[in-house]
Amino acid sequence: MTTTTEPRPPEGDWLGTPYLRFTREGPFGVCTLDRPEARNAMTPAMYFGIRYAVGLVDADDSLAGLLITGTGDVFAPGGDLGGGDGSDNWLDALGRGLAMDVTPFERLRQSVKPVVSAVNGLCQGGGLQIAMCSDMAVVSDRATFRVPELYRGIADTYYSQMLARMIGPVRTRDLMFTGRTLTAEEAVDWGMVARMVPHEELPGAAREVLAQCCRTAPKARSVVKSSLDNYMGLFDRIGMQASYSGEEAREGFVAFKQRRSPQWVHPELRGEGRL
């Protein structure tokens, strides 16, 4: 297995970034987000590395399925908004990096082999999308979930489409318009994730669920997966992509970097720190 810490294009079991680890554990490939110094905030290379890992497992006859998890008390908080200097160049680069040709969400929905997310802690933004686009998500009872995109000025139509299908429009408005934090128990009750287990039992429980999925007939499973994917439907890709370069997204990113409320918030509603 490659041990270099230098970023380079994905090749073999190297996922292209030192912040992702790919290991082979019996019949499973395991992709671990491992960037504890940044609370697993995801760079474009990390997003693409997960996408690559799905294809790697799909093409390897020695592997039956893929498990995705994180280190410490964080699964994934979404894209890294804290890097850079907040300049226009940095924001433009971030928007391009998060374009749909880099992110793994569609690739997860189209995976040939089963993918299970073992959500070990904080899960929000793009991290929550990874969990929702996996075939199943098994979560620790310590996990929390949040959809903060509207606080960042992003019109995330992927969320509005998928969440409305999964949990209904009323609860989707609750999550997206308030940015509230959802507990693991609430997420299971709402139907956003499949199963909750005690934190210490998460690795074993997630592997057992993945094993169960891998025992199903592949061709028949793909037909069912296609049917479910059609139910989830399309989302407004053009509108969402345009929002990345809009004024609200720029203000949202800069406000996040500066740990303050965005300027669009009424002065009497601004608080200390970032939203």
C-alpha atoms as a PDB file:
ATOM      1  CA  MET A   1       0.000   0.000   0.000  1.00  0.00           C
ATOM      2  CA  THR A   2       1.269   3.483  -0.821  1.00  0.00           C
ATOM      3  CA  THR A   3       2.518   5.407   2.229  1.00  0.00           C
ATOM      4  CA  THR A   4       3.467   8.702   0.630  1.00  0.00           C
ATOM      5  CA  THR A   5       1.932  11.838   2.108  1.00  0.00           C
ATOM      6  CA  GLU A   6       2.314  13.863  -1.083  1.00  0.00           C
ATOM      7  CA  PRO A   7      -0.905  14.558  -3.021  1.00  0.00           C
ATOM      8  CA  ARG A   8      -0.976  12.975  -6.466  1.00  0.00           C
ATOM      9  CA  PRO A   9      -3.630  11.523  -8.746  1.00  0.00           C
ATOM     10  CA  PRO A  10      -5.411   8.401  -7.504  1.00  0.00           C
ATOM     11  CA  GLU A  11      -3.734   5.138  -8.459  1.00  0.00           C
ATOM     12  CA  GLY A  12      -4.313   1.651  -7.103  1.00  0.00           C
ATOM     13  CA  ASP A  13      -5.266   1.921  -3.436  1.00  0.00           C
ATOM     14  CA  TRP A  14      -3.906   5.469  -3.191  1.00  0.00           C
ATOM     15  CA  LEU A  15      -6.918   7.825  -3.264  1.00  0.00           C
ATOM     16  CA  GLY A  16      -4.955  10.915  -4.291  1.00  0.00           C
ATOM     17  CA  THR A  17      -4.733  12.649  -0.904  1.00  0.00           C
ATOM     18  CA  PRO A  18      -3.139  11.889   2.483  1.00  0.00           C
ATOM     19  CA  TYR A  19      -6.458  12.739   4.132  1.00  0.00           C
ATOM     20  CA  LEU A  20      -8.131   9.550   2.899  1.00  0.00           C
ATOM     21  CA  ARG A  21      -7.040   6.012   3.743  1.00  0.00           C
ATOM     22  CA  PHE A  22      -8.103   2.979   1.739  1.00  0.00           C
ATOM     23  CA  THR A  23      -7.619  -0.388   3.402  1.00  0.00           C
ATOM     24  CA  ARG A  24      -8.641  -3.905   2.463  1.00  0.00           C
ATOM     25  CA  GLU A  25     -10.339  -5.737   5.278  1.00  0.00           C
ATOM     26  CA  GLY A  26     -11.383  -9.188   4.121  1.00  0.00           C
ATOM     27  CA  PRO A  27     -14.057  -8.806   1.414  1.00  0.00           C
ATOM     28  CA  PHE A  28     -14.473  -5.076   2.010  1.00  0.00           C
ATOM     29  CA  GLY A  29     -12.731  -1.932   0.981  1.00  0.00           C
ATOM     30  CA  VAL A  30     -12.722   0.663   3.780  1.00  0.00           C
ATOM     31  CA  CYS A  31     -12.367   4.372   2.994  1.00  0.00           C
ATOM     32  CA  THR A  32     -11.553   6.423   6.088  1.00  0.00           C
ATOM     33  CA  LEU A  33     -11.612  10.209   6.237  1.00  0.00           C
ATOM     34  CA  ASP A  34      -8.496  11.047   8.232  1.00  0.00           C
ATOM     35  CA  ARG A  35      -7.926  14.779   8.627  1.00  0.00           C
ATOM     36  CA  PRO A  36      -8.330  15.308  12.376  1.00  0.00           C
ATOM     37  CA  GLU A  37      -6.515  18.657  12.432  1.00  0.00           C
ATOM     38  CA  ALA A  38      -9.339  20.108  10.296  1.00  0.00           C
ATOM     39  CA  ARG A  39     -12.158  18.010  11.791  1.00  0.00           C
ATOM     40  CA  ASN A  40     -12.239  16.004   8.523  1.00  0.00           C
ATOM     41  CA  ALA A  41     -13.257  19.076   6.479  1.00  0.00           C
ATOM     42  CA  MET A  42     -13.224  17.872   2.911  1.00  0.00           C
ATOM     43  CA  THR A  43     -10.974  19.224   0.191  1.00  0.00           C
ATOM     44  CA  PRO A  44     -11.900  18.755  -3.479  1.00  0.00           C
ATOM     45  CA  ALA A  45      -9.286  15.983  -3.613  1.00  0.00           C
ATOM     46  CA  MET A  46     -11.040  14.190  -0.735  1.00  0.00           C
ATOM     47  CA  TYR A  47     -14.390  14.402  -2.498  1.00  0.00           C
ATOM     48  CA  PHE A  48     -12.840  13.020  -5.664  1.00  0.00           C
ATOM     49  CA  GLY A  49     -10.958  10.352  -3.717  1.00  0.00           C
ATOM     50  CA  ILE A  50     -14.226   8.956  -2.366  1.00  0.00           C
ATOM     51  CA  ARG A  51     -15.632   8.943  -5.882  1.00  0.00           C
ATOM     52  CA  TYR A  52     -12.535   7.068  -7.030  1.00  0.00           C
ATOM     53  CA  ALA A  53     -12.872   4.566  -4.164  1.00  0.00           C
ATOM     54  CA  VAL A  54     -16.375   3.618  -5.327  1.00  0.00           C
ATOM     55  CA  GLY A  55     -15.059   2.828  -8.795  1.00  0.00           C
ATOM     56  CA  LEU A  56     -12.058   1.007  -7.361  1.00  0.00           C
ATOM     57  CA  VAL A  57     -14.267  -1.384  -5.402  1.00  0.00           C
ATOM     58  CA  ASP A  58     -16.715  -1.804  -8.282  1.00  0.00           C
ATOM     59  CA  ALA A  59     -13.875  -2.935 -10.571  1.00  0.00           C
ATOM     60  CA  ASP A  60     -12.119  -5.258  -8.103  1.00  0.00           C
ATOM     61  CA  ASP A  61     -13.392  -8.848  -8.113  1.00  0.00           C
ATOM     62  CA  SER A  62     -11.743  -9.499  -4.757  1.00  0.00           C
ATOM     63  CA  LEU A  63     -13.914  -6.902  -3.004  1.00  0.00           C
ATOM     64  CA  ALA A  64     -17.635  -7.237  -2.314  1.00  0.00           C
ATOM     65  CA  GLY A  65     -18.481  -3.791  -0.970  1.00  0.00           C
ATOM     66  CA  LEU A  66     -17.274  -0.434   0.350  1.00  0.00           C
ATOM     67  CA  LEU A  67     -17.459   1.001   3.866  1.00  0.00           C
ATOM     68  CA  ILE A  68     -16.985   4.753   4.399  1.00  0.00           C
ATOM     69  CA  THR A  69     -16.232   6.166   7.855  1.00  0.00           C
ATOM     70  CA  GLY A  70     -14.327   8.925   9.657  1.00  0.00           C
ATOM     71  CA  THR A  71     -11.784   9.325  12.428  1.00  0.00           C
ATOM     72  CA  GLY A  72     -12.342  10.561  15.965  1.00  0.00           C
ATOM     73  CA  ASP A  73     -15.728  12.105  16.721  1.00  0.00           C
ATOM     74  CA  VAL A  74     -16.320  13.404  13.165  1.00  0.00           C
ATOM     75  CA  PHE A  75     -17.631  11.606  10.094  1.00  0.00           C
ATOM     76  CA  ALA A  76     -17.539  14.536   7.668  1.00  0.00           C
ATOM     77  CA  PRO A  77     -18.546  18.207   8.037  1.00  0.00           C
ATOM     78  CA  GLY A  78     -18.668  18.914   4.315  1.00  0.00           C
ATOM     79  CA  GLY A  79     -16.378  21.076   2.224  1.00  0.00           C
ATOM     80  CA  ASP A  80     -13.427  22.917   3.766  1.00  0.00           C
ATOM     81  CA  LEU A  81     -14.592  26.536   4.055  1.00  0.00           C
ATOM     82  CA  GLY A  82     -11.929  27.585   6.518  1.00  0.00           C
ATOM     83  CA  GLY A  83      -8.907  27.439   4.248  1.00  0.00           C
ATOM     84  CA  GLY A  84      -7.509  30.159   2.056  1.00  0.00           C
ATOM     85  CA  ASP A  85      -7.707  33.874   2.760  1.00  0.00           C
ATOM     86  CA  GLY A  86     -11.306  34.548   1.720  1.00  0.00           C
ATOM     87  CA  SER A  87     -10.226  36.234  -1.491  1.00  0.00           C
ATOM     88  CA  ASP A  88     -12.192  36.054  -4.717  1.00  0.00           C
ATOM     89  CA  ASN A  89      -9.576  33.739  -6.222  1.00  0.00           C
ATOM     90  CA  TRP A  90      -9.918  31.297  -3.355  1.00  0.00           C
ATOM     91  CA  LEU A  91     -13.714  31.381  -3.469  1.00  0.00           C
ATOM     92  CA  ASP A  92     -13.758  30.822  -7.222  1.00  0.00           C
ATOM     93  CA  ALA A  93     -11.393  27.871  -6.832  1.00  0.00           C
ATOM     94  CA  LEU A  94     -13.582  26.402  -4.098  1.00  0.00           C
ATOM     95  CA  GLY A  95     -16.684  26.721  -6.247  1.00  0.00           C
ATOM     96  CA  ARG A  96     -14.977  24.964  -9.140  1.00  0.00           C
ATOM     97  CA  GLY A  97     -13.660  22.286  -6.813  1.00  0.00           C
ATOM     98  CA  LEU A  98     -17.120  21.492  -5.497  1.00  0.00           C
ATOM     99  CA  ALA A  99     -18.627  21.255  -8.967  1.00  0.00           C
ATOM    100  CA  MET A 100     -20.588  18.109  -9.681  1.00  0.00           C
ATOM    101  CA  ASP A 101     -17.809  16.572 -11.787  1.00  0.00           C
ATOM    102  CA  VAL A 102     -15.700  16.200  -8.614  1.00  0.00           C
ATOM    103  CA  THR A 103     -18.154  15.308  -5.865  1.00  0.00           C
ATOM    104  CA  PRO A 104     -18.998  11.608  -5.305  1.00  0.00           C
ATOM    105  CA  PHE A 105     -22.760  11.824  -4.758  1.00  0.00           C
ATOM    106  CA  GLU A 106     -23.921  10.642  -8.180  1.00  0.00           C
ATOM    107  CA  ARG A 107     -21.213   7.964  -8.236  1.00  0.00           C
ATOM    108  CA  LEU A 108     -22.453   6.632  -4.904  1.00  0.00           C
ATOM    109  CA  ARG A 109     -26.020   6.460  -6.213  1.00  0.00           C
ATOM    110  CA  GLN A 110     -24.788   4.528  -9.251  1.00  0.00           C
ATOM    111  CA  SER A 111     -22.404   2.148  -7.474  1.00  0.00           C
ATOM    112  CA  VAL A 112     -22.516  -1.477  -8.623  1.00  0.00           C
ATOM    113  CA  LYS A 113     -21.461  -2.907  -5.277  1.00  0.00           C
ATOM    114  CA  PRO A 114     -23.038  -2.019  -1.919  1.00  0.00           C
ATOM    115  CA  VAL A 115     -21.772   1.054  -0.081  1.00  0.00           C
ATOM    116  CA  VAL A 116     -22.439   1.558   3.641  1.00  0.00           C
ATOM    117  CA  SER A 117     -21.538   4.709   5.580  1.00  0.00           C
ATOM    118  CA  ALA A 118     -20.565   4.161   9.216  1.00  0.00           C
ATOM    119  CA  VAL A 119     -21.333   7.589  10.670  1.00  0.00           C
ATOM    120  CA  ASN A 120     -19.179   7.902  13.777  1.00  0.00           C
ATOM    121  CA  GLY A 121     -19.909  11.504  14.766  1.00  0.00           C
ATOM    122  CA  LEU A 122     -20.608  14.957  13.358  1.00  0.00           C
ATOM    123  CA  CYS A 123     -22.159  14.683   9.897  1.00  0.00           C
ATOM    124  CA  GLN A 124     -23.282  17.685   7.875  1.00  0.00           C
ATOM    125  CA  GLY A 125     -23.077  19.384   4.502  1.00  0.00           C
ATOM    126  CA  GLY A 126     -21.407  17.182   1.920  1.00  0.00           C
ATOM    127  CA  GLY A 127     -20.762  14.581   4.605  1.00  0.00           C
ATOM    128  CA  LEU A 128     -24.473  14.109   5.114  1.00  0.00           C
ATOM    129  CA  GLN A 129     -24.968  13.844   1.356  1.00  0.00           C
ATOM    130  CA  ILE A 130     -22.395  11.032   1.290  1.00  0.00           C
ATOM    131  CA  ALA A 131     -24.342   9.204   3.999  1.00  0.00           C
ATOM    132  CA  MET A 132     -27.674   9.739   2.225  1.00  0.00           C
ATOM    133  CA  CYS A 133     -26.337   8.655  -1.172  1.00  0.00           C
ATOM    134  CA  SER A 134     -24.818   5.466   0.227  1.00  0.00           C
ATOM    135  CA  ASP A 135     -26.969   2.366   0.004  1.00  0.00           C
ATOM    136  CA  MET A 136     -27.330   2.431   3.782  1.00  0.00           C
ATOM    137  CA  ALA A 137     -26.088   4.523   6.697  1.00  0.00           C
ATOM    138  CA  VAL A 138     -25.454   2.996  10.123  1.00  0.00           C
ATOM    139  CA  VAL A 139     -24.902   5.711  12.719  1.00  0.00           C
ATOM    140  CA  SER A 140     -23.444   6.017  16.192  1.00  0.00           C
ATOM    141  CA  ASP A 141     -25.793   7.163  18.928  1.00  0.00           C
ATOM    142  CA  ARG A 142     -23.385  10.095  19.303  1.00  0.00           C
ATOM    143  CA  ALA A 143     -23.777  11.235  15.690  1.00  0.00           C
ATOM    144  CA  THR A 144     -25.350  14.589  14.858  1.00  0.00           C
ATOM    145  CA  PHE A 145     -26.679  15.915  11.558  1.00  0.00           C
ATOM    146  CA  ARG A 146     -27.059  19.392  10.104  1.00  0.00           C
ATOM    147  CA  VAL A 147     -27.768  21.094   6.772  1.00  0.00           C
ATOM    148  CA  PRO A 148     -26.082  24.551   7.022  1.00  0.00           C
ATOM    149  CA  GLU A 149     -25.912  25.397   3.309  1.00  0.00           C
ATOM    150  CA  LEU A 150     -28.390  28.284   3.418  1.00  0.00           C
ATOM    151  CA  TYR A 151     -26.238  29.934   6.098  1.00  0.00           C
ATOM    152  CA  ARG A 152     -23.404  29.838   3.549  1.00  0.00           C
ATOM    153  CA  GLY A 153     -25.430  31.378   0.727  1.00  0.00           C
ATOM    154  CA  ILE A 154     -25.660  28.126  -1.250  1.00  0.00           C
ATOM    155  CA  ALA A 155     -28.900  27.083  -2.958  1.00  0.00           C
ATOM    156  CA  ASP A 156     -28.343  23.364  -2.438  1.00  0.00           C
ATOM    157  CA  THR A 157     -31.087  21.888  -4.597  1.00  0.00           C
ATOM    158  CA  TYR A 158     -29.566  18.430  -4.178  1.00  0.00           C
ATOM    159  CA  TYR A 159     -30.595  18.560  -0.528  1.00  0.00           C
ATOM    160  CA  SER A 160     -34.007  20.043  -1.175  1.00  0.00           C
ATOM    161  CA  GLN A 161     -34.751  17.303  -3.732  1.00  0.00           C
ATOM    162  CA  MET A 162     -33.373  14.301  -1.829  1.00  0.00           C
ATOM    163  CA  LEU A 163     -34.542  15.318   1.627  1.00  0.00           C
ATOM    164  CA  ALA A 164     -38.059  16.055   0.426  1.00  0.00           C
ATOM    165  CA  ARG A 165     -38.196  12.548  -1.041  1.00  0.00           C
ATOM    166  CA  MET A 166     -36.726  10.949   2.077  1.00  0.00           C
ATOM    167  CA  ILE A 167     -38.328  12.846   4.971  1.00  0.00           C
ATOM    168  CA  GLY A 168     -40.983  15.053   3.336  1.00  0.00           C
ATOM    169  CA  PRO A 169     -41.139  18.793   2.540  1.00  0.00           C
ATOM    170  CA  VAL A 170     -42.174  19.918   6.043  1.00  0.00           C
ATOM    171  CA  ARG A 171     -39.156  18.395   7.754  1.00  0.00           C
ATOM    172  CA  THR A 172     -36.932  19.482   4.860  1.00  0.00           C
ATOM    173  CA  ARG A 173     -37.929  23.101   5.485  1.00  0.00           C
ATOM    174  CA  ASP A 174     -37.251  22.587   9.203  1.00  0.00           C
ATOM    175  CA  LEU A 175     -33.705  21.379   8.554  1.00  0.00           C
ATOM    176  CA  MET A 176     -32.761  23.745   5.737  1.00  0.00           C
ATOM    177  CA  PHE A 177     -34.424  26.975   6.879  1.00  0.00           C
ATOM    178  CA  THR A 178     -33.352  26.763  10.537  1.00  0.00           C
ATOM    179  CA  GLY A 179     -30.017  24.967  10.250  1.00  0.00           C
ATOM    180  CA  ARG A 180     -30.957  23.012  13.371  1.00  0.00           C
ATOM    181  CA  THR A 181     -28.882  20.088  14.624  1.00  0.00           C
ATOM    182  CA  LEU A 182     -30.562  16.707  14.462  1.00  0.00           C
ATOM    183  CA  THR A 183     -29.674  13.923  16.892  1.00  0.00           C
ATOM    184  CA  ALA A 184     -29.018  10.363  15.761  1.00  0.00           C
ATOM    185  CA  GLU A 185     -32.282   9.228  17.296  1.00  0.00           C
ATOM    186  CA  GLU A 186     -34.206  11.943  15.430  1.00  0.00           C
ATOM    187  CA  ALA A 187     -32.451  11.098  12.156  1.00  0.00           C
ATOM    188  CA  VAL A 188     -33.535   7.464  12.429  1.00  0.00           C
ATOM    189  CA  ASP A 189     -37.060   8.440  13.480  1.00  0.00           C
ATOM    190  CA  TRP A 190     -37.351  10.794  10.491  1.00  0.00           C
ATOM    191  CA  GLY A 191     -36.128   8.120   8.074  1.00  0.00           C
ATOM    192  CA  MET A 192     -32.995  10.036   7.077  1.00  0.00           C
ATOM    193  CA  VAL A 193     -30.655   7.174   8.044  1.00  0.00           C
ATOM    194  CA  ALA A 194     -31.267   3.458   8.457  1.00  0.00           C
ATOM    195  CA  ARG A 195     -29.969   2.307  11.823  1.00  0.00           C
ATOM    196  CA  MET A 196     -28.521   3.635  15.082  1.00  0.00           C
ATOM    197  CA  VAL A 197     -26.234   1.575  17.331  1.00  0.00           C
ATOM    198  CA  PRO A 198     -24.207   2.280  20.486  1.00  0.00           C
ATOM    199  CA  HIS A 199     -21.030   4.131  19.554  1.00  0.00           C
ATOM    200  CA  GLU A 200     -18.700   1.288  20.567  1.00  0.00           C
ATOM    201  CA  GLU A 201     -20.608  -1.174  18.389  1.00  0.00           C
ATOM    202  CA  LEU A 202     -20.572   0.936  15.206  1.00  0.00           C
ATOM    203  CA  PRO A 203     -17.629  -0.679  13.334  1.00  0.00           C
ATOM    204  CA  GLY A 204     -18.925  -4.206  13.773  1.00  0.00           C
ATOM    205  CA  ALA A 205     -22.551  -3.308  13.148  1.00  0.00           C
ATOM    206  CA  ALA A 206     -21.745  -1.408   9.944  1.00  0.00           C
ATOM    207  CA  ARG A 207     -19.676  -4.306   8.624  1.00  0.00           C
ATOM    208  CA  GLU A 208     -22.484  -6.751   9.373  1.00  0.00           C
ATOM    209  CA  VAL A 209     -24.987  -4.567   7.509  1.00  0.00           C
ATOM    210  CA  LEU A 210     -22.577  -4.326   4.564  1.00  0.00           C
ATOM    211  CA  ALA A 211     -22.154  -8.116   4.620  1.00  0.00           C
ATOM    212  CA  GLN A 212     -25.925  -8.564   4.511  1.00  0.00           C
ATOM    213  CA  CYS A 213     -26.197  -6.212   1.529  1.00  0.00           C
ATOM    214  CA  CYS A 214     -23.376  -8.036  -0.264  1.00  0.00           C
ATOM    215  CA  ARG A 215     -25.188 -11.379   0.044  1.00  0.00           C
ATOM    216  CA  THR A 216     -28.071 -10.196  -2.150  1.00  0.00           C
ATOM    217  CA  ALA A 217     -28.212 -11.083  -5.855  1.00  0.00           C
ATOM    218  CA  PRO A 218     -26.158  -8.418  -7.727  1.00  0.00           C
ATOM    219  CA  LYS A 219     -28.259  -8.103 -10.885  1.00  0.00           C
ATOM    220  CA  ALA A 220     -31.571  -8.087  -9.036  1.00  0.00           C
ATOM    221  CA  ARG A 221     -30.157  -5.603  -6.515  1.00  0.00           C
ATOM    222  CA  SER A 222     -29.086  -3.256  -9.318  1.00  0.00           C
ATOM    223  CA  VAL A 223     -32.629  -3.243 -10.721  1.00  0.00           C
ATOM    224  CA  VAL A 224     -34.046  -2.318  -7.315  1.00  0.00           C
ATOM    225  CA  LYS A 225     -31.323   0.316  -6.872  1.00  0.00           C
ATOM    226  CA  SER A 226     -32.181   1.817 -10.270  1.00  0.00           C
ATOM    227  CA  SER A 227     -35.849   1.965  -9.346  1.00  0.00           C
ATOM    228  CA  LEU A 228     -35.068   3.730  -6.077  1.00  0.00           C
ATOM    229  CA  ASP A 229     -32.696   6.129  -7.825  1.00  0.00           C
ATOM    230  CA  ASN A 230     -35.441   7.058 -10.285  1.00  0.00           C
ATOM    231  CA  TYR A 231     -37.740   7.765  -7.349  1.00  0.00           C
ATOM    232  CA  MET A 232     -35.187  10.157  -5.839  1.00  0.00           C
ATOM    233  CA  GLY A 233     -35.360  12.120  -9.099  1.00  0.00           C
ATOM    234  CA  LEU A 234     -33.346  15.000 -10.511  1.00  0.00           C
ATOM    235  CA  PHE A 235     -32.365  18.316  -8.990  1.00  0.00           C
ATOM    236  CA  ASP A 236     -31.755  21.808 -10.325  1.00  0.00           C
ATOM    237  CA  ARG A 237     -28.102  21.462 -11.293  1.00  0.00           C
ATOM    238  CA  ILE A 238     -27.954  24.767 -13.169  1.00  0.00           C
ATOM    239  CA  GLY A 239     -29.443  26.825 -10.364  1.00  0.00           C
ATOM    240  CA  MET A 240     -27.279  25.167  -7.743  1.00  0.00           C
ATOM    241  CA  GLN A 241     -24.081  25.630  -9.752  1.00  0.00           C
ATOM    242  CA  ALA A 242     -24.921  29.295 -10.356  1.00  0.00           C
ATOM    243  CA  SER A 243     -25.318  29.869  -6.632  1.00  0.00           C
ATOM    244  CA  TYR A 244     -21.679  28.940  -5.996  1.00  0.00           C
ATOM    245  CA  SER A 245     -20.521  32.069  -7.834  1.00  0.00           C
ATOM    246  CA  GLY A 246     -23.255  34.344  -6.532  1.00  0.00           C
ATOM    247  CA  GLU A 247     -22.878  37.262  -4.134  1.00  0.00           C
ATOM    248  CA  GLU A 248     -24.568  35.420  -1.270  1.00  0.00           C
ATOM    249  CA  ALA A 249     -22.166  32.486  -1.511  1.00  0.00           C
ATOM    250  CA  ARG A 250     -19.193  34.850  -1.468  1.00  0.00           C
ATOM    251  CA  GLU A 251     -20.525  36.649   1.595  1.00  0.00           C
ATOM    252  CA  GLY A 252     -21.412  33.349   3.244  1.00  0.00           C
ATOM    253  CA  PHE A 253     -17.903  31.950   2.757  1.00  0.00           C
ATOM    254  CA  VAL A 254     -16.195  35.128   3.964  1.00  0.00           C
ATOM    255  CA  ALA A 255     -18.490  35.324   6.998  1.00  0.00           C
ATOM    256  CA  PHE A 256     -17.650  31.716   7.841  1.00  0.00           C
ATOM    257  CA  LYS A 257     -13.944  32.459   7.541  1.00  0.00           C
ATOM    258  CA  GLN A 258     -14.292  35.568   9.725  1.00  0.00           C
ATOM    259  CA  ARG A 259     -16.522  33.777  12.268  1.00  0.00           C
ATOM    260  CA  ARG A 260     -19.418  36.200  12.014  1.00  0.00           C
ATOM    261  CA  SER A 261     -22.978  36.395  10.753  1.00  0.00           C
ATOM    262  CA  PRO A 262     -23.374  37.212   7.049  1.00  0.00           C
ATOM    263  CA  GLN A 263     -24.390  40.757   6.143  1.00  0.00           C
ATOM    264  CA  TRP A 264     -27.823  39.620   4.972  1.00  0.00           C
ATOM    265  CA  VAL A 265     -28.783  38.842   8.586  1.00  0.00           C
ATOM    266  CA  HIS A 266     -30.775  41.672  10.248  1.00  0.00           C
ATOM    267  CA  PRO A 267     -28.500  43.519  12.720  1.00  0.00           C
ATOM    268  CA  GLU A 268     -30.747  42.603  15.648  1.00  0.00           C
ATOM    269  CA  LEU A 269     -30.503  38.918  14.748  1.00  0.00           C
ATOM    270  CA  ARG A 270     -26.730  38.689  14.484  1.00  0.00           C
ATOM    271  CA  GLY A 271     -24.935  36.781  17.202  1.00  0.00           C
ATOM    272  CA  GLU A 272     -21.376  36.105  18.265  1.00  0.00           C
ATOM    273  CA  GLY A 273     -19.446  33.730  16.053  1.00  0.00           C
ATOM    274  CA  ARG A 274     -20.460  32.035  12.840  1.00  0.00           C
ATOM    275  CA  LEU A 275     -23.864  30.564  12.152  1.00  0.00           C
END
